[in-house]
Amino acid sequence: PLLNRIAPKVDRAALDEQTRAERTR
């Protein structure tokens, strides 16, 4: 619960794009 509470908001679109770029490479 502590880590979920303090976790920053994640830009899912940017993260997905980064993952796609990694897999493409």
PDB file of all heavy atoms in Angstrom:
ATOM      1  N   PRO A   1       0.810  -1.222   0.000  1.00  0.00           N
ATOM      2  CA  PRO A   1       0.000   0.000   0.000  1.00  0.00           C
ATOM      3  C   PRO A   1       0.846   1.276   0.000  1.00  0.00           C
ATOM      4  O   PRO A   1       0.488   2.273  -0.637  1.00  0.00           O
ATOM      5  CB  PRO A   1      -0.815  -0.125   1.296  1.00  0.00           C
ATOM      6  CG  PRO A   1      -0.876  -1.588   1.570  1.00  0.00           C
ATOM      7  CD  PRO A   1       0.429  -2.144   1.091  1.00  0.00           C
ATOM      8  N   LEU A   2       1.971   1.266   0.724  1.00  0.00           N
ATOM      9  CA  LEU A   2       2.826   2.452   0.779  1.00  0.00           C
ATOM     10  C   LEU A   2       3.371   2.794  -0.600  1.00  0.00           C
ATOM     11  O   LEU A   2       3.310   3.958  -1.038  1.00  0.00           O
ATOM     12  CB  LEU A   2       3.979   2.213   1.755  1.00  0.00           C
ATOM     13  CG  LEU A   2       5.055   3.309   1.807  1.00  0.00           C
ATOM     14  CD1 LEU A   2       4.467   4.616   2.317  1.00  0.00           C
ATOM     15  CD2 LEU A   2       6.238   2.867   2.657  1.00  0.00           C
ATOM     16  N   LEU A   3       3.905   1.792  -1.293  1.00  0.00           N
ATOM     17  CA  LEU A   3       4.481   2.058  -2.608  1.00  0.00           C
ATOM     18  C   LEU A   3       3.411   2.458  -3.614  1.00  0.00           C
ATOM     19  O   LEU A   3       3.658   3.307  -4.484  1.00  0.00           O
ATOM     20  CB  LEU A   3       5.238   0.817  -3.100  1.00  0.00           C
ATOM     21  CG  LEU A   3       6.487   0.435  -2.291  1.00  0.00           C
ATOM     22  CD1 LEU A   3       7.146  -0.794  -2.882  1.00  0.00           C
ATOM     23  CD2 LEU A   3       7.478   1.593  -2.240  1.00  0.00           C
ATOM     24  N   ASN A   4       2.230   1.871  -3.512  1.00  0.00           N
ATOM     25  CA  ASN A   4       1.138   2.267  -4.408  1.00  0.00           C
ATOM     26  C   ASN A   4       0.702   3.702  -4.155  1.00  0.00           C
ATOM     27  O   ASN A   4       0.340   4.427  -5.086  1.00  0.00           O
ATOM     28  CB  ASN A   4      -0.053   1.322  -4.234  1.00  0.00           C
ATOM     29  CG  ASN A   4       0.226  -0.073  -4.765  1.00  0.00           C
ATOM     30  OD1 ASN A   4       1.043  -0.250  -5.665  1.00  0.00           O
ATOM     31  ND2 ASN A   4      -0.447  -1.075  -4.218  1.00  0.00           N
ATOM     32  N   ARG A   5       0.780   4.100  -2.896  1.00  0.00           N
ATOM     33  CA  ARG A   5       0.340   5.459  -2.546  1.00  0.00           C
ATOM     34  C   ARG A   5       1.324   6.521  -3.043  1.00  0.00           C
ATOM     35  O   ARG A   5       0.915   7.599  -3.489  1.00  0.00           O
ATOM     36  CB  ARG A   5       0.166   5.567  -1.032  1.00  0.00           C
ATOM     37  CG  ARG A   5      -0.407   6.893  -0.569  1.00  0.00           C
ATOM     38  CD  ARG A   5      -0.692   6.891   0.917  1.00  0.00           C
ATOM     39  NE  ARG A   5      -1.308   8.131   1.360  1.00  0.00           N
ATOM     40  CZ  ARG A   5      -2.596   8.401   1.293  1.00  0.00           C
ATOM     41  NH1 ARG A   5      -3.431   7.496   0.801  1.00  0.00           N
ATOM     42  NH2 ARG A   5      -3.082   9.556   1.718  1.00  0.00           N
ATOM     43  N   ILE A   6       2.621   6.219  -2.962  1.00  0.00           N
ATOM     44  CA  ILE A   6       3.627   7.220  -3.333  1.00  0.00           C
ATOM     45  C   ILE A   6       4.080   7.077  -4.780  1.00  0.00           C
ATOM     46  O   ILE A   6       4.905   7.875  -5.244  1.00  0.00           O
ATOM     47  CB  ILE A   6       4.851   7.153  -2.411  1.00  0.00           C
ATOM     48  CG1 ILE A   6       5.610   5.832  -2.596  1.00  0.00           C
ATOM     49  CG2 ILE A   6       4.452   7.344  -0.963  1.00  0.00           C
ATOM     50  CD1 ILE A   6       6.901   5.760  -1.803  1.00  0.00           C
ATOM     51  N   ALA A   7       3.573   6.058  -5.485  1.00  0.00           N
ATOM     52  CA  ALA A   7       4.012   5.850  -6.865  1.00  0.00           C
ATOM     53  C   ALA A   7       3.618   7.036  -7.729  1.00  0.00           C
ATOM     54  O   ALA A   7       2.488   7.545  -7.647  1.00  0.00           O
ATOM     55  CB  ALA A   7       3.388   4.573  -7.420  1.00  0.00           C
ATOM     56  N   PRO A   8       4.524   7.528  -8.573  1.00  0.00           N
ATOM     57  CA  PRO A   8       4.185   8.672  -9.438  1.00  0.00           C
ATOM     58  C   PRO A   8       3.238   8.243 -10.551  1.00  0.00           C
ATOM     59  O   PRO A   8       3.128   7.060 -10.889  1.00  0.00           O
ATOM     60  CB  PRO A   8       5.554   9.070 -10.010  1.00  0.00           C
ATOM     61  CG  PRO A   8       6.347   7.805  -9.998  1.00  0.00           C
ATOM     62  CD  PRO A   8       5.887   7.043  -8.783  1.00  0.00           C
ATOM     63  N   LYS A   9       2.557   9.209 -11.109  1.00  0.00           N
ATOM     64  CA  LYS A   9       1.687   8.916 -12.235  1.00  0.00           C
ATOM     65  C   LYS A   9       2.544   8.550 -13.442  1.00  0.00           C
ATOM     66  O   LYS A   9       3.523   9.226 -13.760  1.00  0.00           O
ATOM     67  CB  LYS A   9       0.808  10.128 -12.559  1.00  0.00           C
ATOM     68  CG  LYS A   9      -0.219  10.443 -11.474  1.00  0.00           C
ATOM     69  CD  LYS A   9      -1.106  11.603 -11.882  1.00  0.00           C
ATOM     70  CE  LYS A   9      -2.159  11.886 -10.811  1.00  0.00           C
ATOM     71  NZ  LYS A   9      -3.027  13.042 -11.179  1.00  0.00           N
ATOM     72  N   VAL A  10       2.165   7.457 -14.103  1.00  0.00           N
ATOM     73  CA  VAL A  10       2.948   6.952 -15.228  1.00  0.00           C
ATOM     74  C   VAL A  10       2.258   7.327 -16.532  1.00  0.00           C
ATOM     75  O   VAL A  10       1.047   7.149 -16.688  1.00  0.00           O
ATOM     76  CB  VAL A  10       3.102   5.416 -15.134  1.00  0.00           C
ATOM     77  CG1 VAL A  10       3.884   4.885 -16.333  1.00  0.00           C
ATOM     78  CG2 VAL A  10       3.797   5.041 -13.838  1.00  0.00           C
ATOM     79  N   ASP A  11       3.046   7.877 -17.464  1.00  0.00           N
ATOM     80  CA  ASP A  11       2.535   8.184 -18.798  1.00  0.00           C
ATOM     81  C   ASP A  11       2.511   6.876 -19.594  1.00  0.00           C
ATOM     82  O   ASP A  11       3.530   6.452 -20.150  1.00  0.00           O
ATOM     83  CB  ASP A  11       3.447   9.213 -19.469  1.00  0.00           C
ATOM     84  CG  ASP A  11       2.875   9.696 -20.801  1.00  0.00           C
ATOM     85  OD1 ASP A  11       1.963   9.032 -21.330  1.00  0.00           O
ATOM     86  OD2 ASP A  11       3.357  10.720 -21.321  1.00  0.00           O
ATOM     87  N   ARG A  12       1.370   6.220 -19.614  1.00  0.00           N
ATOM     88  CA  ARG A  12       1.286   4.910 -20.237  1.00  0.00           C
ATOM     89  C   ARG A  12       1.626   4.970 -21.724  1.00  0.00           C
ATOM     90  O   ARG A  12       2.269   4.056 -22.260  1.00  0.00           O
ATOM     91  CB  ARG A  12      -0.126   4.337 -20.069  1.00  0.00           C
ATOM     92  CG  ARG A  12      -0.578   4.119 -18.636  1.00  0.00           C
ATOM     93  CD  ARG A  12       0.337   3.189 -17.875  1.00  0.00           C
ATOM     94  NE  ARG A  12       0.568   1.930 -18.559  1.00  0.00           N
ATOM     95  CZ  ARG A  12       1.361   0.971 -18.085  1.00  0.00           C
ATOM     96  NH1 ARG A  12       1.995   1.148 -16.945  1.00  0.00           N
ATOM     97  NH2 ARG A  12       1.532  -0.155 -18.762  1.00  0.00           N
ATOM     98  N   ALA A  13       1.211   6.037 -22.391  1.00  0.00           N
ATOM     99  CA  ALA A  13       1.490   6.141 -23.829  1.00  0.00           C
ATOM    100  C   ALA A  13       2.992   6.207 -24.085  1.00  0.00           C
ATOM    101  O   ALA A  13       3.516   5.519 -24.971  1.00  0.00           O
ATOM    102  CB  ALA A  13       0.797   7.380 -24.402  1.00  0.00           C
ATOM    103  N   ALA A  14       3.684   7.036 -23.298  1.00  0.00           N
ATOM    104  CA  ALA A  14       5.134   7.155 -23.474  1.00  0.00           C
ATOM    105  C   ALA A  14       5.837   5.850 -23.125  1.00  0.00           C
ATOM    106  O   ALA A  14       6.786   5.439 -23.795  1.00  0.00           O
ATOM    107  CB  ALA A  14       5.665   8.296 -22.609  1.00  0.00           C
ATOM    108  N   LEU A  15       5.339   5.174 -22.069  1.00  0.00           N
ATOM    109  CA  LEU A  15       5.940   3.909 -21.661  1.00  0.00           C
ATOM    110  C   LEU A  15       5.732   2.836 -22.727  1.00  0.00           C
ATOM    111  O   LEU A  15       6.666   2.070 -23.045  1.00  0.00           O
ATOM    112  CB  LEU A  15       5.330   3.456 -20.337  1.00  0.00           C
ATOM    113  CG  LEU A  15       5.934   2.198 -19.698  1.00  0.00           C
ATOM    114  CD1 LEU A  15       7.403   2.425 -19.380  1.00  0.00           C
ATOM    115  CD2 LEU A  15       5.173   1.838 -18.425  1.00  0.00           C
ATOM    116  N   ASP A  16       4.529   2.776 -23.288  1.00  0.00           N
ATOM    117  CA  ASP A  16       4.253   1.800 -24.343  1.00  0.00           C
ATOM    118  C   ASP A  16       5.113   2.078 -25.576  1.00  0.00           C
ATOM    119  O   ASP A  16       5.602   1.146 -26.221  1.00  0.00           O
ATOM    120  CB  ASP A  16       2.772   1.839 -24.718  1.00  0.00           C
ATOM    121  CG  ASP A  16       1.884   1.305 -23.609  1.00  0.00           C
ATOM    122  OD1 ASP A  16       2.406   0.629 -22.706  1.00  0.00           O
ATOM    123  OD2 ASP A  16       0.664   1.590 -23.635  1.00  0.00           O
ATOM    124  N   GLU A  17       5.287   3.360 -25.888  1.00  0.00           N
ATOM    125  CA  GLU A  17       6.118   3.720 -27.031  1.00  0.00           C
ATOM    126  C   GLU A  17       7.571   3.318 -26.807  1.00  0.00           C
ATOM    127  O   GLU A  17       8.244   2.807 -27.707  1.00  0.00           O
ATOM    128  CB  GLU A  17       6.032   5.235 -27.273  1.00  0.00           C
ATOM    129  CG  GLU A  17       6.868   5.736 -28.443  1.00  0.00           C
ATOM    130  CD  GLU A  17       6.446   5.112 -29.760  1.00  0.00           C
ATOM    131  OE1 GLU A  17       5.254   4.779 -29.909  1.00  0.00           O
ATOM    132  OE2 GLU A  17       7.320   4.950 -30.636  1.00  0.00           O
ATOM    133  N   GLN A  18       8.046   3.522 -25.589  1.00  0.00           N
ATOM    134  CA  GLN A  18       9.414   3.129 -25.249  1.00  0.00           C
ATOM    135  C   GLN A  18       9.581   1.615 -25.349  1.00  0.00           C
ATOM    136  O   GLN A  18      10.595   1.125 -25.867  1.00  0.00           O
ATOM    137  CB  GLN A  18       9.759   3.602 -23.837  1.00  0.00           C
ATOM    138  CG  GLN A  18      11.169   3.279 -23.400  1.00  0.00           C
ATOM    139  CD  GLN A  18      11.451   3.765 -21.982  1.00  0.00           C
ATOM    140  OE1 GLN A  18      10.715   4.592 -21.436  1.00  0.00           O
ATOM    141  NE2 GLN A  18      12.512   3.272 -21.388  1.00  0.00           N
ATOM    142  N   THR A  19       8.591   0.870 -24.881  1.00  0.00           N
ATOM    143  CA  THR A  19       8.642  -0.590 -24.950  1.00  0.00           C
ATOM    144  C   THR A  19       8.631  -1.069 -26.391  1.00  0.00           C
ATOM    145  O   THR A  19       9.377  -1.981 -26.772  1.00  0.00           O
ATOM    146  CB  THR A  19       7.451  -1.198 -24.189  1.00  0.00           C
ATOM    147  OG1 THR A  19       7.467  -0.742 -22.844  1.00  0.00           O
ATOM    148  CG2 THR A  19       7.518  -2.712 -24.211  1.00  0.00           C
ATOM    149  N   ARG A  20       7.785  -0.442 -27.224  1.00  0.00           N
ATOM    150  CA  ARG A  20       7.729  -0.818 -28.644  1.00  0.00           C
ATOM    151  C   ARG A  20       9.060  -0.542 -29.333  1.00  0.00           C
ATOM    152  O   ARG A  20       9.532  -1.361 -30.132  1.00  0.00           O
ATOM    153  CB  ARG A  20       6.598  -0.061 -29.348  1.00  0.00           C
ATOM    154  CG  ARG A  20       5.212  -0.653 -29.118  1.00  0.00           C
ATOM    155  CD  ARG A  20       4.205  -0.093 -30.105  1.00  0.00           C
ATOM    156  NE  ARG A  20       4.034   1.346 -29.928  1.00  0.00           N
ATOM    157  CZ  ARG A  20       3.120   1.893 -29.113  1.00  0.00           C
ATOM    158  NH1 ARG A  20       2.314   1.103 -28.409  1.00  0.00           N
ATOM    159  NH2 ARG A  20       3.021   3.199 -28.997  1.00  0.00           N
ATOM    160  N   ALA A  21       9.656   0.600 -29.016  1.00  0.00           N
ATOM    161  CA  ALA A  21      10.947   0.933 -29.626  1.00  0.00           C
ATOM    162  C   ALA A  21      12.018  -0.072 -29.208  1.00  0.00           C
ATOM    163  O   ALA A  21      12.856  -0.490 -30.021  1.00  0.00           O
ATOM    164  CB  ALA A  21      11.358   2.349 -29.220  1.00  0.00           C
ATOM    165  N   GLU A  22      11.975  -0.475 -27.940  1.00  0.00           N
ATOM    166  CA  GLU A  22      12.935  -1.464 -27.448  1.00  0.00           C
ATOM    167  C   GLU A  22      12.765  -2.797 -28.175  1.00  0.00           C
ATOM    168  O   GLU A  22      13.746  -3.427 -28.600  1.00  0.00           O
ATOM    169  CB  GLU A  22      12.738  -1.651 -25.941  1.00  0.00           C
ATOM    170  CG  GLU A  22      13.659  -2.654 -25.304  1.00  0.00           C
ATOM    171  CD  GLU A  22      14.789  -1.996 -24.530  1.00  0.00           C
ATOM    172  OE1 GLU A  22      15.056  -0.814 -24.771  1.00  0.00           O
ATOM    173  OE2 GLU A  22      15.394  -2.681 -23.700  1.00  0.00           O
ATOM    174  N   ARG A  23      11.537  -3.223 -28.336  1.00  0.00           N
ATOM    175  CA  ARG A  23      11.278  -4.497 -29.007  1.00  0.00           C
ATOM    176  C   ARG A  23      11.629  -4.423 -30.488  1.00  0.00           C
ATOM    177  O   ARG A  23      12.106  -5.406 -31.070  1.00  0.00           O
ATOM    178  CB  ARG A  23       9.812  -4.885 -28.816  1.00  0.00           C
ATOM    179  CG  ARG A  23       9.476  -5.306 -27.394  1.00  0.00           C
ATOM    180  CD  ARG A  23       8.010  -5.608 -27.216  1.00  0.00           C
ATOM    181  NE  ARG A  23       7.732  -6.061 -25.856  1.00  0.00           N
ATOM    182  CZ  ARG A  23       6.522  -6.237 -25.366  1.00  0.00           C
ATOM    183  NH1 ARG A  23       5.461  -6.011 -26.134  1.00  0.00           N
ATOM    184  NH2 ARG A  23       6.355  -6.644 -24.116  1.00  0.00           N
ATOM    185  N   THR A  24      11.408  -3.256 -31.093  1.00  0.00           N
ATOM    186  CA  THR A  24      11.764  -3.088 -32.505  1.00  0.00           C
ATOM    187  C   THR A  24      13.267  -3.225 -32.687  1.00  0.00           C
ATOM    188  O   THR A  24      13.738  -3.896 -33.613  1.00  0.00           O
ATOM    189  CB  THR A  24      11.295  -1.716 -33.016  1.00  0.00           C
ATOM    190  OG1 THR A  24       9.871  -1.623 -32.886  1.00  0.00           O
ATOM    191  CG2 THR A  24      11.686  -1.526 -34.480  1.00  0.00           C
ATOM    192  N   ARG A  25      14.046  -2.604 -31.799  1.00  0.00           N
ATOM    193  CA  ARG A  25      15.502  -2.729 -31.871  1.00  0.00           C
ATOM    194  C   ARG A  25      15.931  -4.182 -31.669  1.00  0.00           C
ATOM    195  O   ARG A  25      16.843  -4.676 -32.332  1.00  0.00           O
ATOM    196  CB  ARG A  25      16.164  -1.849 -30.802  1.00  0.00           C
ATOM    197  CG  ARG A  25      16.128  -0.370 -31.084  1.00  0.00           C
ATOM    198  CD  ARG A  25      17.122   0.399 -30.226  1.00  0.00           C
ATOM    199  NE  ARG A  25      16.941   0.177 -28.804  1.00  0.00           N
ATOM    200  CZ  ARG A  25      17.870  -0.341 -28.016  1.00  0.00           C
ATOM    201  NH1 ARG A  25      19.041  -0.721 -28.502  1.00  0.00           N
ATOM    202  NH2 ARG A  25      17.638  -0.502 -26.716  1.00  0.00           N
TER     203      ARG A  25
END
